[in-house]
PDB file of N, CA and C in Angstrom:
ATOM      1  N   MET A   1      38.126 -22.696  -3.718  1.00  0.00           N
ATOM      2  CA  MET A   1      38.483 -21.107  -4.321  1.00  0.00           C
ATOM      3  C   MET A   1      37.547 -20.128  -3.690  1.00  0.00           C
ATOM      4  N   ARG A   2      37.904 -19.310  -3.489  1.00  0.00           N
ATOM      5  CA  ARG A   2      37.175 -18.154  -3.160  1.00  0.00           C
ATOM      6  C   ARG A   2      37.033 -17.120  -4.093  1.00  0.00           C
ATOM      7  N   ASN A   3      35.817 -16.536  -4.336  1.00  0.00           N
ATOM      8  CA  ASN A   3      35.073 -15.490  -5.102  1.00  0.00           C
ATOM      9  C   ASN A   3      35.412 -14.029  -4.489  1.00  0.00           C
ATOM     10  N   TYR A   4      35.800 -13.138  -5.133  1.00  0.00           N
ATOM     11  CA  TYR A   4      35.846 -11.720  -4.763  1.00  0.00           C
ATOM     12  C   TYR A   4      35.367 -10.588  -5.724  1.00  0.00           C
ATOM     13  N   GLU A   5      34.979  -9.307  -5.351  1.00  0.00           N
ATOM     14  CA  GLU A   5      34.670  -8.532  -6.344  1.00  0.00           C
ATOM     15  C   GLU A   5      35.254  -7.265  -5.744  1.00  0.00           C
ATOM     16  N   ILE A   6      35.912  -6.754  -6.453  1.00  0.00           N
ATOM     17  CA  ILE A   6      36.663  -5.485  -6.251  1.00  0.00           C
ATOM     18  C   ILE A   6      36.582  -4.592  -7.112  1.00  0.00           C
ATOM     19  N   MET A   7      35.940  -3.266  -6.414  1.00  0.00           N
ATOM     20  CA  MET A   7      35.626  -2.123  -7.271  1.00  0.00           C
ATOM     21  C   MET A   7      36.566  -1.133  -6.783  1.00  0.00           C
ATOM     22  N   PHE A   8      37.073  -0.435  -7.760  1.00  0.00           N
ATOM     23  CA  PHE A   8      37.900   0.929  -7.458  1.00  0.00           C
ATOM     24  C   PHE A   8      37.937   1.762  -8.089  1.00  0.00           C
ATOM     25  N   ILE A   9      38.269   3.119  -7.689  1.00  0.00           N
ATOM     26  CA  ILE A   9      38.091   4.572  -8.429  1.00  0.00           C
ATOM     27  C   ILE A   9      39.586   4.946  -8.858  1.00  0.00           C
ATOM     28  N   VAL A  10      39.795   5.513 -10.015  1.00  0.00           N
ATOM     29  CA  VAL A  10      41.018   5.894 -10.275  1.00  0.00           C
ATOM     30  C   VAL A  10      40.674   7.397 -10.357  1.00  0.00           C
ATOM     31  N   ARG A  11      42.182   8.086  -9.946  1.00  0.00           N
ATOM     32  CA  ARG A  11      42.121   9.370 -10.073  1.00  0.00           C
ATOM     33  C   ARG A  11      41.619  10.283 -11.434  1.00  0.00           C
ATOM     34  N   PRO A  12      40.636  11.110 -11.641  1.00  0.00           N
ATOM     35  CA  PRO A  12      40.563  11.505 -12.868  1.00  0.00           C
ATOM     36  C   PRO A  12      41.372  12.707 -13.320  1.00  0.00           C
ATOM     37  N   THR A  13      42.292  12.840 -12.643  1.00  0.00           N
ATOM     38  CA  THR A  13      43.200  13.967 -13.232  1.00  0.00           C
ATOM     39  C   THR A  13      44.440  13.358 -13.808  1.00  0.00           C
ATOM     40  N   LEU A  14      44.411  12.061 -14.176  1.00  0.00           N
ATOM     41  CA  LEU A  14      45.493  11.268 -14.956  1.00  0.00           C
ATOM     42  C   LEU A  14      45.123  11.206 -16.210  1.00  0.00           C
ATOM     43  N   GLY A  15      46.054  11.050 -17.029  1.00  0.00           N
ATOM     44  CA  GLY A  15      45.659  10.942 -18.635  1.00  0.00           C
ATOM     45  C   GLY A  15      45.192   9.398 -19.112  1.00  0.00           C
ATOM     46  N   GLU A  16      44.914   9.368 -20.032  1.00  0.00           N
ATOM     47  CA  GLU A  16      44.372   7.916 -20.322  1.00  0.00           C
ATOM     48  C   GLU A  16      45.364   6.784 -20.383  1.00  0.00           C
ATOM     49  N   ASP A  17      46.604   7.220 -20.713  1.00  0.00           N
ATOM     50  CA  ASP A  17      47.636   6.294 -20.673  1.00  0.00           C
ATOM     51  C   ASP A  17      47.957   6.060 -19.411  1.00  0.00           C
ATOM     52  N   GLU A  18      47.945   6.886 -18.420  1.00  0.00           N
ATOM     53  CA  GLU A  18      48.530   6.837 -16.994  1.00  0.00           C
ATOM     54  C   GLU A  18      47.064   5.884 -16.243  1.00  0.00           C
ATOM     55  N   VAL A  19      46.246   6.163 -16.511  1.00  0.00           N
ATOM     56  CA  VAL A  19      44.839   5.114 -16.162  1.00  0.00           C
ATOM     57  C   VAL A  19      45.251   3.745 -16.404  1.00  0.00           C
ATOM     58  N   LYS A  20      45.449   3.698 -17.804  1.00  0.00           N
ATOM     59  CA  LYS A  20      45.553   2.316 -18.006  1.00  0.00           C
ATOM     60  C   LYS A  20      46.711   1.563 -17.466  1.00  0.00           C
ATOM     61  N   LYS A  21      48.014   2.397 -17.175  1.00  0.00           N
ATOM     62  CA  LYS A  21      49.011   2.108 -16.667  1.00  0.00           C
ATOM     63  C   LYS A  21      48.809   1.564 -15.130  1.00  0.00           C
ATOM     64  N   VAL A  22      48.103   2.374 -14.447  1.00  0.00           N
ATOM     65  CA  VAL A  22      47.617   2.094 -12.930  1.00  0.00           C
ATOM     66  C   VAL A  22      46.728   0.701 -12.824  1.00  0.00           C
ATOM     67  N   VAL A  23      45.806   0.903 -14.236  1.00  0.00           N
ATOM     68  CA  VAL A  23      44.972  -0.365 -13.945  1.00  0.00           C
ATOM     69  C   VAL A  23      45.824  -1.857 -14.408  1.00  0.00           C
ATOM     70  N   LYS A  24      46.659  -1.506 -14.972  1.00  0.00           N
ATOM     71  CA  LYS A  24      47.423  -2.675 -15.432  1.00  0.00           C
ATOM     72  C   LYS A  24      48.489  -3.115 -14.227  1.00  0.00           C
ATOM     73  N   ASN A  25      49.005  -2.093 -13.576  1.00  0.00           N
ATOM     74  CA  ASN A  25      49.988  -2.314 -12.509  1.00  0.00           C
ATOM     75  C   ASN A  25      48.980  -3.165 -11.338  1.00  0.00           C
ATOM     76  N   PHE A  26      47.748  -2.737 -10.989  1.00  0.00           N
ATOM     77  CA  PHE A  26      46.896  -3.354 -10.051  1.00  0.00           C
ATOM     78  C   PHE A  26      46.524  -4.876 -10.398  1.00  0.00           C
ATOM     79  N   GLU A  27      46.155  -4.987 -11.708  1.00  0.00           N
ATOM     80  CA  GLU A  27      45.978  -6.455 -12.446  1.00  0.00           C
ATOM     81  C   GLU A  27      47.118  -7.112 -11.961  1.00  0.00           C
ATOM     82  N   ASN A  28      48.306  -6.829 -12.185  1.00  0.00           N
ATOM     83  CA  ASN A  28      49.396  -7.592 -12.108  1.00  0.00           C
ATOM     84  C   ASN A  28      49.694  -7.831 -10.630  1.00  0.00           C
ATOM     85  N   ILE A  29      49.297  -6.920  -9.777  1.00  0.00           N
ATOM     86  CA  ILE A  29      49.526  -7.238  -8.434  1.00  0.00           C
ATOM     87  C   ILE A  29      48.744  -8.583  -7.915  1.00  0.00           C
ATOM     88  N   LEU A  30      47.431  -8.556  -8.513  1.00  0.00           N
ATOM     89  CA  LEU A  30      46.497  -9.694  -8.361  1.00  0.00           C
ATOM     90  C   LEU A  30      46.910 -11.008  -8.930  1.00  0.00           C
ATOM     91  N   THR A  31      47.278 -10.951 -10.169  1.00  0.00           N
ATOM     92  CA  THR A  31      47.986 -12.188 -10.953  1.00  0.00           C
ATOM     93  C   THR A  31      49.060 -12.638 -10.240  1.00  0.00           C
ATOM     94  N   SER A  32      50.089 -11.803 -10.048  1.00  0.00           N
ATOM     95  CA  SER A  32      51.358 -12.359  -9.456  1.00  0.00           C
ATOM     96  C   SER A  32      51.207 -12.818  -7.869  1.00  0.00           C
ATOM     97  N   ASN A  33      50.027 -12.614  -7.499  1.00  0.00           N
ATOM     98  CA  ASN A  33      50.034 -13.026  -6.015  1.00  0.00           C
ATOM     99  C   ASN A  33      48.968 -14.346  -6.123  1.00  0.00           C
ATOM    100  N   GLY A  34      48.722 -14.718  -7.100  1.00  0.00           N
ATOM    101  CA  GLY A  34      47.827 -16.270  -7.461  1.00  0.00           C
ATOM    102  C   GLY A  34      46.531 -16.011  -7.503  1.00  0.00           C
ATOM    103  N   ALA A  35      45.803 -14.854  -7.865  1.00  0.00           N
ATOM    104  CA  ALA A  35      44.743 -14.882  -8.071  1.00  0.00           C
ATOM    105  C   ALA A  35      44.287 -14.519  -9.592  1.00  0.00           C
ATOM    106  N   LYS A  36      43.346 -15.082 -10.022  1.00  0.00           N
ATOM    107  CA  LYS A  36      42.664 -15.323 -11.309  1.00  0.00           C
ATOM    108  C   LYS A  36      41.465 -14.271 -11.683  1.00  0.00           C
ATOM    109  N   ILE A  37      41.628 -13.312 -12.705  1.00  0.00           N
ATOM    110  CA  ILE A  37      40.437 -12.479 -12.807  1.00  0.00           C
ATOM    111  C   ILE A  37      39.855 -12.912 -13.704  1.00  0.00           C
ATOM    112  N   THR A  38      38.569 -13.035 -13.228  1.00  0.00           N
ATOM    113  CA  THR A  38      37.637 -14.058 -13.942  1.00  0.00           C
ATOM    114  C   THR A  38      36.724 -12.732 -14.883  1.00  0.00           C
ATOM    115  N   ASP A  39      36.661 -11.659 -14.310  1.00  0.00           N
ATOM    116  CA  ASP A  39      35.899 -10.720 -15.402  1.00  0.00           C
ATOM    117  C   ASP A  39      36.141  -9.437 -14.938  1.00  0.00           C
ATOM    118  N   ALA A  40      36.447  -8.458 -15.921  1.00  0.00           N
ATOM    119  CA  ALA A  40      36.923  -6.879 -15.684  1.00  0.00           C
ATOM    120  C   ALA A  40      36.183  -6.049 -16.600  1.00  0.00           C
ATOM    121  N   LYS A  41      35.501  -5.113 -15.872  1.00  0.00           N
ATOM    122  CA  LYS A  41      34.872  -4.049 -16.511  1.00  0.00           C
ATOM    123  C   LYS A  41      35.194  -2.893 -16.433  1.00  0.00           C
ATOM    124  N   ASP A  42      35.277  -1.921 -17.195  1.00  0.00           N
ATOM    125  CA  ASP A  42      35.622  -0.601 -17.280  1.00  0.00           C
ATOM    126  C   ASP A  42      34.312   0.235 -17.217  1.00  0.00           C
ATOM    127  N   LEU A  43      33.995   0.823 -16.080  1.00  0.00           N
ATOM    128  CA  LEU A  43      32.679   1.466 -15.903  1.00  0.00           C
ATOM    129  C   LEU A  43      32.776   2.759 -16.447  1.00  0.00           C
ATOM    130  N   GLY A  44      33.719   3.405 -16.682  1.00  0.00           N
ATOM    131  CA  GLY A  44      34.027   4.432 -17.294  1.00  0.00           C
ATOM    132  C   GLY A  44      34.095   5.635 -16.275  1.00  0.00           C
ATOM    133  N   GLN A  45      33.939   7.134 -16.554  1.00  0.00           N
ATOM    134  CA  GLN A  45      34.187   7.992 -15.660  1.00  0.00           C
ATOM    135  C   GLN A  45      32.592   8.581 -15.166  1.00  0.00           C
ATOM    136  N   LYS A  46      32.490   8.434 -13.694  1.00  0.00           N
ATOM    137  CA  LYS A  46      31.544   9.092 -13.245  1.00  0.00           C
ATOM    138  C   LYS A  46      31.390  10.113 -12.117  1.00  0.00           C
ATOM    139  N   GLU A  47      30.393  10.880 -12.040  1.00  0.00           N
ATOM    140  CA  GLU A  47      30.211  11.935 -10.919  1.00  0.00           C
ATOM    141  C   GLU A  47      30.196  11.327  -9.537  1.00  0.00           C
ATOM    142  N   PHE A  48      30.982  11.730  -8.533  1.00  0.00           N
ATOM    143  CA  PHE A  48      30.706  11.365  -7.074  1.00  0.00           C
ATOM    144  C   PHE A  48      29.571  12.123  -6.569  1.00  0.00           C
ATOM    145  N   ALA A  49      28.823  11.442  -5.376  1.00  0.00           N
ATOM    146  CA  ALA A  49      27.774  12.131  -4.729  1.00  0.00           C
ATOM    147  C   ALA A  49      27.959  13.150  -3.871  1.00  0.00           C
ATOM    148  N   TYR A  50      29.374  13.067  -3.581  1.00  0.00           N
ATOM    149  CA  TYR A  50      30.036  14.087  -2.738  1.00  0.00           C
ATOM    150  C   TYR A  50      31.678  14.099  -3.113  1.00  0.00           C
ATOM    151  N   GLU A  51      32.348  15.205  -2.801  1.00  0.00           N
ATOM    152  CA  GLU A  51      33.504  15.167  -2.908  1.00  0.00           C
ATOM    153  C   GLU A  51      34.458  14.279  -2.300  1.00  0.00           C
ATOM    154  N   ILE A  52      35.443  13.627  -2.521  1.00  0.00           N
ATOM    155  CA  ILE A  52      36.514  12.865  -2.049  1.00  0.00           C
ATOM    156  C   ILE A  52      37.922  13.404  -2.349  1.00  0.00           C
ATOM    157  N   LYS A  53      38.495  13.624  -1.523  1.00  0.00           N
ATOM    158  CA  LYS A  53      39.920  14.329  -1.462  1.00  0.00           C
ATOM    159  C   LYS A  53      39.950  15.319  -2.739  1.00  0.00           C
ATOM    160  N   LYS A  54      38.977  16.205  -2.381  1.00  0.00           N
ATOM    161  CA  LYS A  54      38.707  17.336  -3.640  1.00  0.00           C
ATOM    162  C   LYS A  54      38.604  17.114  -4.836  1.00  0.00           C
ATOM    163  N   LEU A  55      37.899  15.769  -5.236  1.00  0.00           N
ATOM    164  CA  LEU A  55      37.684  15.481  -6.466  1.00  0.00           C
ATOM    165  C   LEU A  55      36.259  15.247  -6.547  1.00  0.00           C
ATOM    166  N   LYS A  56      35.923  15.697  -7.544  1.00  0.00           N
ATOM    167  CA  LYS A  56      34.192  15.540  -8.111  1.00  0.00           C
ATOM    168  C   LYS A  56      33.923  14.344  -9.055  1.00  0.00           C
ATOM    169  N   SER A  57      34.838  13.350  -9.596  1.00  0.00           N
ATOM    170  CA  SER A  57      34.599  12.269 -10.459  1.00  0.00           C
ATOM    171  C   SER A  57      35.827  11.449 -10.408  1.00  0.00           C
ATOM    172  N   GLY A  58      35.550  10.218 -10.937  1.00  0.00           N
ATOM    173  CA  GLY A  58      36.492   9.263 -10.914  1.00  0.00           C
ATOM    174  C   GLY A  58      36.530   8.253 -12.088  1.00  0.00           C
ATOM    175  N   PHE A  59      37.513   7.526 -12.349  1.00  0.00           N
ATOM    176  CA  PHE A  59      37.340   6.330 -13.505  1.00  0.00           C
ATOM    177  C   PHE A  59      36.800   5.006 -12.517  1.00  0.00           C
ATOM    178  N   TYR A  60      35.775   4.446 -12.916  1.00  0.00           N
ATOM    179  CA  TYR A  60      35.362   3.434 -12.106  1.00  0.00           C
ATOM    180  C   TYR A  60      35.895   1.866 -12.709  1.00  0.00           C
ATOM    181  N   PHE A  61      36.217   0.914 -11.981  1.00  0.00           N
ATOM    182  CA  PHE A  61      36.401  -0.157 -12.460  1.00  0.00           C
ATOM    183  C   PHE A  61      36.156  -1.405 -11.551  1.00  0.00           C
ATOM    184  N   LEU A  62      35.638  -2.612 -12.163  1.00  0.00           N
ATOM    185  CA  LEU A  62      34.789  -3.590 -11.482  1.00  0.00           C
ATOM    186  C   LEU A  62      35.573  -4.708 -11.869  1.00  0.00           C
ATOM    187  N   TYR A  63      35.991  -5.545 -10.832  1.00  0.00           N
ATOM    188  CA  TYR A  63      36.727  -6.946 -11.191  1.00  0.00           C
ATOM    189  C   TYR A  63      36.240  -8.039 -10.287  1.00  0.00           C
ATOM    190  N   GLU A  64      36.003  -9.297 -10.755  1.00  0.00           N
ATOM    191  CA  GLU A  64      35.784 -10.363 -10.085  1.00  0.00           C
ATOM    192  C   GLU A  64      36.909 -11.339 -10.157  1.00  0.00           C
ATOM    193  N   ILE A  65      37.230 -11.662  -8.951  1.00  0.00           N
ATOM    194  CA  ILE A  65      38.488 -12.463  -8.856  1.00  0.00           C
ATOM    195  C   ILE A  65      38.194 -13.826  -8.047  1.00  0.00           C
ATOM    196  N   GLU A  66      38.937 -14.784  -8.430  1.00  0.00           N
ATOM    197  CA  GLU A  66      39.043 -16.245  -7.757  1.00  0.00           C
ATOM    198  C   GLU A  66      40.583 -16.402  -7.443  1.00  0.00           C
ATOM    199  N   ALA A  67      40.307 -16.839  -5.980  1.00  0.00           N
ATOM    200  CA  ALA A  67      41.916 -16.733  -5.515  1.00  0.00           C
ATOM    201  C   ALA A  67      41.776 -18.156  -4.499  1.00  0.00           C
ATOM    202  N   ALA A  68      42.899 -18.912  -4.456  1.00  0.00           N
ATOM    203  CA  ALA A  68      42.930 -19.876  -3.364  1.00  0.00           C
ATOM    204  C   ALA A  68      42.918 -19.396  -1.794  1.00  0.00           C
ATOM    205  N   ASP A  69      43.793 -18.394  -1.626  1.00  0.00           N
ATOM    206  CA  ASP A  69      43.947 -17.762  -0.411  1.00  0.00           C
ATOM    207  C   ASP A  69      43.641 -16.321  -0.720  1.00  0.00           C
ATOM    208  N   ASP A  70      43.721 -15.661   0.581  1.00  0.00           N
ATOM    209  CA  ASP A  70      43.543 -14.041   0.312  1.00  0.00           C
ATOM    210  C   ASP A  70      44.767 -13.358   0.338  1.00  0.00           C
ATOM    211  N   LYS A  71      46.159 -14.033  -0.076  1.00  0.00           N
ATOM    212  CA  LYS A  71      47.226 -13.328  -0.077  1.00  0.00           C
ATOM    213  C   LYS A  71      46.992 -12.228  -1.212  1.00  0.00           C
ATOM    214  N   ALA A  72      46.370 -12.345  -2.281  1.00  0.00           N
ATOM    215  CA  ALA A  72      46.567 -11.360  -3.549  1.00  0.00           C
ATOM    216  C   ALA A  72      45.464 -10.059  -3.068  1.00  0.00           C
ATOM    217  N   ILE A  73      44.619 -10.639  -2.238  1.00  0.00           N
ATOM    218  CA  ILE A  73      43.570  -9.657  -1.928  1.00  0.00           C
ATOM    219  C   ILE A  73      44.378  -8.611  -0.958  1.00  0.00           C
ATOM    220  N   LYS A  74      44.845  -9.185   0.156  1.00  0.00           N
ATOM    221  CA  LYS A  74      45.369  -8.397   1.214  1.00  0.00           C
ATOM    222  C   LYS A  74      46.634  -7.273   0.317  1.00  0.00           C
ATOM    223  N   GLU A  75      47.120  -7.983  -0.418  1.00  0.00           N
ATOM    224  CA  GLU A  75      48.466  -6.955  -1.209  1.00  0.00           C
ATOM    225  C   GLU A  75      47.807  -5.842  -2.028  1.00  0.00           C
ATOM    226  N   PHE A  76      46.523  -6.166  -3.016  1.00  0.00           N
ATOM    227  CA  PHE A  76      45.893  -5.332  -3.417  1.00  0.00           C
ATOM    228  C   PHE A  76      45.522  -4.308  -2.396  1.00  0.00           C
ATOM    229  N   ASP A  77      44.964  -4.579  -1.240  1.00  0.00           N
ATOM    230  CA  ASP A  77      44.241  -3.518  -0.308  1.00  0.00           C
ATOM    231  C   ASP A  77      45.411  -2.811   0.120  1.00  0.00           C
ATOM    232  N   ARG A  78      46.558  -3.230   0.533  1.00  0.00           N
ATOM    233  CA  ARG A  78      47.768  -2.869   0.976  1.00  0.00           C
ATOM    234  C   ARG A  78      48.251  -1.552   0.005  1.00  0.00           C
ATOM    235  N   LEU A  79      48.290  -2.131  -0.969  1.00  0.00           N
ATOM    236  CA  LEU A  79      48.902  -1.129  -2.085  1.00  0.00           C
ATOM    237  C   LEU A  79      47.918   0.029  -2.702  1.00  0.00           C
ATOM    238  N   SER A  80      46.504  -0.651  -2.733  1.00  0.00           N
ATOM    239  CA  SER A  80      45.564   0.647  -2.903  1.00  0.00           C
ATOM    240  C   SER A  80      45.352   1.644  -1.821  1.00  0.00           C
ATOM    241  N   LEU A  81      45.629   1.358  -0.744  1.00  0.00           N
ATOM    242  CA  LEU A  81      45.781   2.272   0.501  1.00  0.00           C
ATOM    243  C   LEU A  81      46.890   3.171   0.334  1.00  0.00           C
ATOM    244  N   ILE A  82      47.948   2.797  -0.027  1.00  0.00           N
ATOM    245  CA  ILE A  82      49.229   3.611  -0.163  1.00  0.00           C
ATOM    246  C   ILE A  82      49.015   4.509  -1.493  1.00  0.00           C
ATOM    247  N   SER A  83      48.569   3.964  -2.574  1.00  0.00           N
ATOM    248  CA  SER A  83      48.595   4.646  -3.776  1.00  0.00           C
ATOM    249  C   SER A  83      47.906   6.055  -3.854  1.00  0.00           C
ATOM    250  N   ASN A  84      48.434   6.996  -4.450  1.00  0.00           N
ATOM    251  CA  ASN A  84      47.601   8.346  -4.613  1.00  0.00           C
ATOM    252  C   ASN A  84      47.009   8.155  -5.812  1.00  0.00           C
ATOM    253  N   ASP A  85      46.765   7.102  -6.622  1.00  0.00           N
ATOM    254  CA  ASP A  85      46.049   7.432  -8.041  1.00  0.00           C
ATOM    255  C   ASP A  85      44.678   6.442  -7.794  1.00  0.00           C
ATOM    256  N   ILE A  86      44.778   5.763  -6.671  1.00  0.00           N
ATOM    257  CA  ILE A  86      43.497   5.153  -6.358  1.00  0.00           C
ATOM    258  C   ILE A  86      42.419   6.160  -5.125  1.00  0.00           C
ATOM    259  N   VAL A  87      41.326   6.461  -5.642  1.00  0.00           N
ATOM    260  CA  VAL A  87      40.945   7.248  -4.656  1.00  0.00           C
ATOM    261  C   VAL A  87      40.014   6.642  -3.582  1.00  0.00           C
ATOM    262  N   ARG A  88      39.157   5.525  -3.787  1.00  0.00           N
ATOM    263  CA  ARG A  88      38.648   4.508  -3.240  1.00  0.00           C
ATOM    264  C   ARG A  88      38.767   3.236  -3.812  1.00  0.00           C
ATOM    265  N   HIS A  89      38.603   2.143  -2.915  1.00  0.00           N
ATOM    266  CA  HIS A  89      38.217   1.002  -3.205  1.00  0.00           C
ATOM    267  C   HIS A  89      37.648   0.128  -2.216  1.00  0.00           C
ATOM    268  N   LEU A  90      36.852  -0.830  -2.608  1.00  0.00           N
ATOM    269  CA  LEU A  90      35.795  -1.938  -2.186  1.00  0.00           C
ATOM    270  C   LEU A  90      36.210  -3.181  -2.499  1.00  0.00           C
ATOM    271  N   ILE A  91      36.556  -4.275  -1.502  1.00  0.00           N
ATOM    272  CA  ILE A  91      36.661  -5.348  -1.724  1.00  0.00           C
ATOM    273  C   ILE A  91      35.459  -6.409  -1.056  1.00  0.00           C
ATOM    274  N   THR A  92      34.666  -7.079  -1.824  1.00  0.00           N
ATOM    275  CA  THR A  92      33.636  -7.876  -1.151  1.00  0.00           C
ATOM    276  C   THR A  92      34.158  -9.497  -1.738  1.00  0.00           C
ATOM    277  N   LYS A  93      33.705 -10.224  -0.545  1.00  0.00           N
ATOM    278  CA  LYS A  93      33.849 -11.746  -0.638  1.00  0.00           C
ATOM    279  C   LYS A  93      32.424 -12.319  -1.049  1.00  0.00           C
ATOM    280  N   ILE A  94      32.278 -12.830  -2.116  1.00  0.00           N
ATOM    281  CA  ILE A  94      31.198 -13.299  -2.889  1.00  0.00           C
ATOM    282  C   ILE A  94      30.942 -14.730  -2.499  1.00  0.00           C
ATOM    283  N   GLU A  95      29.940 -15.094  -1.572  1.00  0.00           N
ATOM    284  CA  GLU A  95      29.404 -16.453  -1.578  1.00  0.00           C
ATOM    285  C   GLU A  95      28.370 -17.047  -2.153  1.00  0.00           C
ATOM    286  N   LYS A  96      28.832 -18.446  -2.720  1.00  0.00           N
ATOM    287  CA  LYS A  96      28.184 -18.958  -3.732  1.00  0.00           C
ATOM    288  C   LYS A  96      27.826 -20.358  -3.259  1.00  0.00           C
TER     289      LYS A  96
END
């Protein structure tokens, strides 16, 4: 099993229900492609050090993932690049 850490930032202009819907959608993308979410943290809204896409803050989420292959990770990466609701994301492979 490969271990990954995914941090992503959701646009702050969305309402609370819309943020939950976006997060749930991306969780489903991971699990439907064979990944297992081992830990999920909502880090809350934080200010950016600099403006990103004319935004000054965003909702941060941190996930730890276990996956047999990188199919789920590649799909998450592809869809988060397309999505207007995800401001930034970072995927890190964890070596154990």
